[in-house]
Structures are given as structure tokens and as C-alpha cells.
Protein backbone atom coordinates (compact mmCIF):
# COMPACT_ATOMS: atom_id res chain seq x y z
CA MET A 1 16.29 5.58 5.04
CA ASN A 2 16.05 6.50 1.44
CA SER A 3 13.34 5.78 -0.80
CA ASP A 4 15.29 2.91 -2.30
CA ASP A 5 15.41 1.38 1.21
CA VAL A 6 11.63 1.11 1.30
CA GLN A 7 12.07 -1.57 -1.46
CA ARG A 8 14.60 -3.35 0.62
CA PRO A 9 13.07 -5.12 3.65
CA SER A 10 16.27 -5.70 5.24
CA THR A 11 16.49 -2.13 6.06
CA TRP A 12 13.15 -2.02 7.86
CA VAL A 13 12.50 -1.37 11.69
CA LYS A 14 10.74 -3.97 13.99
CA PHE A 15 7.16 -2.92 14.22
CA LYS A 16 6.10 -1.69 17.66
CA LYS A 17 2.74 -0.66 18.85
CA ASN A 18 1.83 2.96 18.07
CA LEU A 19 4.77 3.02 15.48
CA CYS A 20 2.16 4.29 12.99
CA GLU A 21 1.56 7.62 14.82
CA GLY A 22 3.59 10.28 12.83
CA CYS A 23 4.83 7.92 10.34
CA TRP A 24 5.63 9.17 6.78
CA SER A 25 3.54 6.21 5.44
CA GLY A 26 6.54 4.11 3.93
CA CYS A 27 4.08 1.05 3.76
CA CYS A 28 1.80 3.16 1.37
CA THR A 29 4.65 3.30 -1.21
CA LEU A 30 4.93 -0.35 -1.77
CA PRO A 31 2.97 -2.08 -4.48
CA LEU A 32 -0.38 -2.90 -3.42
CA GLU A 33 -2.18 -5.98 -4.58
CA ALA A 34 -6.05 -6.00 -4.08
CA SER A 35 -8.61 -8.72 -4.53
CA ALA A 36 -11.96 -8.30 -6.41
CA HIS A 37 -13.45 -8.48 -2.75
CA ASP A 38 -11.37 -5.52 -1.84
CA LEU A 39 -12.39 -3.48 -5.03
CA ILE A 40 -16.14 -4.09 -4.05
CA ARG A 41 -15.44 -2.89 -0.55
CA LEU A 42 -13.80 0.23 -1.94
CA GLY A 43 -16.93 0.65 -4.38
CA LEU A 44 -14.87 0.38 -7.50
CA ILE A 45 -16.73 -2.63 -8.75
CA THR A 46 -19.81 -4.33 -8.12
CA GLU A 47 -20.51 -8.00 -7.02
CA ASP A 48 -22.04 -8.71 -10.47
CA GLU A 49 -18.80 -7.47 -12.22
CA ALA A 50 -16.64 -9.50 -9.83
CA ALA A 51 -18.70 -12.65 -10.93
CA SER A 52 -18.29 -11.92 -14.64
CA SER A 53 -14.82 -11.18 -16.36
CA LEU A 54 -12.23 -9.86 -14.13
CA LYS A 55 -10.12 -9.03 -17.18
CA LYS A 56 -12.74 -6.80 -18.59
CA VAL A 57 -12.98 -5.35 -15.10
CA ALA A 58 -9.20 -4.84 -15.07
CA ARG A 59 -9.22 -2.90 -18.40
CA ARG A 60 -11.97 -0.51 -17.28
CA LEU A 61 -10.08 0.27 -13.90
CA MET A 62 -6.93 0.61 -16.01
CA LYS A 63 -8.47 2.98 -18.18
CA GLU A 64 -9.79 4.81 -15.26
CA GLY A 65 -6.43 5.09 -13.49
CA TYR A 66 -7.37 2.96 -10.42
CA ILE A 67 -5.11 -0.07 -11.12
CA GLN A 68 -1.67 -0.41 -13.12
CA ALA A 69 -1.87 -4.11 -13.64
CA PHE A 70 -3.91 -7.23 -13.28
CA GLN A 71 -2.45 -10.79 -12.40
CA SER A 72 -4.86 -13.29 -14.03
CA LYS A 73 -3.15 -16.30 -12.53
CA SER A 74 -3.62 -14.87 -8.88
CA GLN A 75 -6.64 -12.93 -9.80
CA LEU A 76 -5.22 -9.97 -7.96
CA PHE A 77 -5.04 -6.36 -9.06
CA VAL A 78 -2.23 -3.98 -8.55
CA ILE A 79 -3.49 -0.53 -7.37
CA GLU A 80 -2.21 2.61 -9.34
CA GLN A 81 0.54 4.57 -7.69
CA ARG A 82 1.14 8.36 -8.20
CA ASN A 83 4.39 9.08 -9.92
CA GLY A 84 5.37 5.32 -9.34
CA ARG A 85 5.49 5.56 -5.59
CA ASP A 86 2.46 6.82 -3.52
CA CYS A 87 -0.62 4.81 -3.41
CA ILE A 88 -3.55 6.62 -4.98
CA PHE A 89 -5.54 6.38 -1.91
CA LEU A 90 -2.83 8.27 0.26
CA GLY A 91 -3.85 11.89 0.94
CA LYS A 92 -1.55 14.95 1.02
CA ASP A 93 -1.51 14.59 4.90
CA ARG A 94 0.07 11.06 4.33
CA ARG A 95 -3.00 9.46 5.72
CA CYS A 96 -5.20 6.93 3.99
CA THR A 97 -8.16 8.40 2.30
CA VAL A 98 -9.87 5.02 2.20
CA TYR A 99 -8.89 3.66 5.71
CA GLU A 100 -12.27 2.08 6.58
CA LYS A 101 -12.67 0.39 3.16
CA ARG A 102 -8.84 -0.24 2.69
CA PRO A 103 -7.85 -3.63 1.02
CA GLU A 104 -7.11 -6.58 3.20
CA VAL A 105 -3.42 -6.48 2.76
CA CYS A 106 -3.44 -3.01 4.38
CA ARG A 107 -5.42 -4.00 7.17
CA ALA A 108 -2.86 -7.00 8.06
CA PHE A 109 0.23 -5.04 7.46
CA PRO A 110 2.85 -5.51 8.95
CA LYS A 111 1.69 -9.04 9.97
CA ILE A 112 1.96 -10.11 6.44
CA GLY A 113 4.11 -8.43 3.56
CA PRO A 114 7.68 -8.58 2.36
CA ARG A 115 9.21 -8.74 6.01
CA PRO A 116 6.41 -9.78 8.57
CA GLY A 117 6.86 -7.96 11.87
CA PHE A 118 8.75 -5.17 10.38
CA CYS A 119 7.96 -1.70 8.64
CA PRO A 120 9.71 0.73 6.34
CA GLY A 121 8.39 3.83 8.27
CA HIS A 122 9.87 6.09 11.08
CA LEU A 123 8.54 8.68 13.21
CA ARG A 124 8.47 12.38 12.27
CA SER A 125 7.43 15.52 14.26
CA VAL A 126 4.08 16.84 13.69
CA GLY A 127 4.03 19.44 10.82
CA GLU A 128 7.38 18.13 9.59
CA LYS A 129 7.61 17.11 5.80
CA PRO A 130 8.27 13.30 5.20
CA GLN A 131 11.75 12.73 5.41
CA VAL A 132 13.92 9.51 5.34
CA ARG A 133 16.73 8.23 7.41
CA ARG A 134 19.23 5.61 6.93
CA ILE A 135 18.86 2.53 9.12
CA SER A 136 21.40 0.00 8.88
CA ALA A 137 20.47 -3.77 8.69
CA SER A 138 22.04 -4.41 11.93
CA SER A 139 19.61 -2.31 13.82
CA SER A 140 16.68 -4.51 12.75
């Protein structure tokens, strides 16, 4: 699977228990929408800020590099990505650095998402650098 395939859910594999062990964290390269509640849990905003102007909150968080966009209609924030790819909360070891505080969409993935029940990841050996392999749509 190449990096473009992550954006094409038709190339994803059926999710199985323990599939996350040894994965290269493909799901952490997808755009991440977070609610104000998620940002409170992450410690990025206070309840008072969430109750006031979310547009003002969005401007501050954009300036601080935590979000890349705010969708006022849905009241969702889009978390910033490093180099347009990795979630800012993804560590160098490809593990979530805020796992206990992660947003709700991360907690529910892959039950929800672009292709419920499927994920963009694949297994790799311990110590192996993240690699991608091509998976045909017929294998899903």
C-alpha cells in the first residue's frame, strides 16, 4: 500500500482483533476531526472557552499549531498534521502520545470512519521502519 492508498478506503484491509499490534499507524495519517469536548479532554481548551466563542478558540489553536481548520457549521476542529500527513500526536515510535486522552473518533476507529470495519494499516516487524505494501481492492 502506498501513501495515496491510505486516502482510498477501497484499498483498506478488513479489521481483525490485534491488527494494531505492529501496525505503521496508517489511521493516524488521516485527517482528524475533534470536538470541543475532545479538546477539553486533551487539555488544549477549558470548559469556559468551549462555552464562549469556538471561532476565537480556533484562531488561538491555529496560531499555536494544534489545528489546521475549524468547521463552524459542524463545530469540529481539524487537528494539525506534520508535513500534511502524520497527526501531531503521533510519536516517533508511531504510537499515540495522547492515547488516554485521544479524541472520540480515534477511540471509535475503525467502527466509524471512511470505511467502517476496515483499516489502512498493515503489520510490520519490530524495529522495522514503516513501509507500505500494495493491497488490491479484491483482497478486502
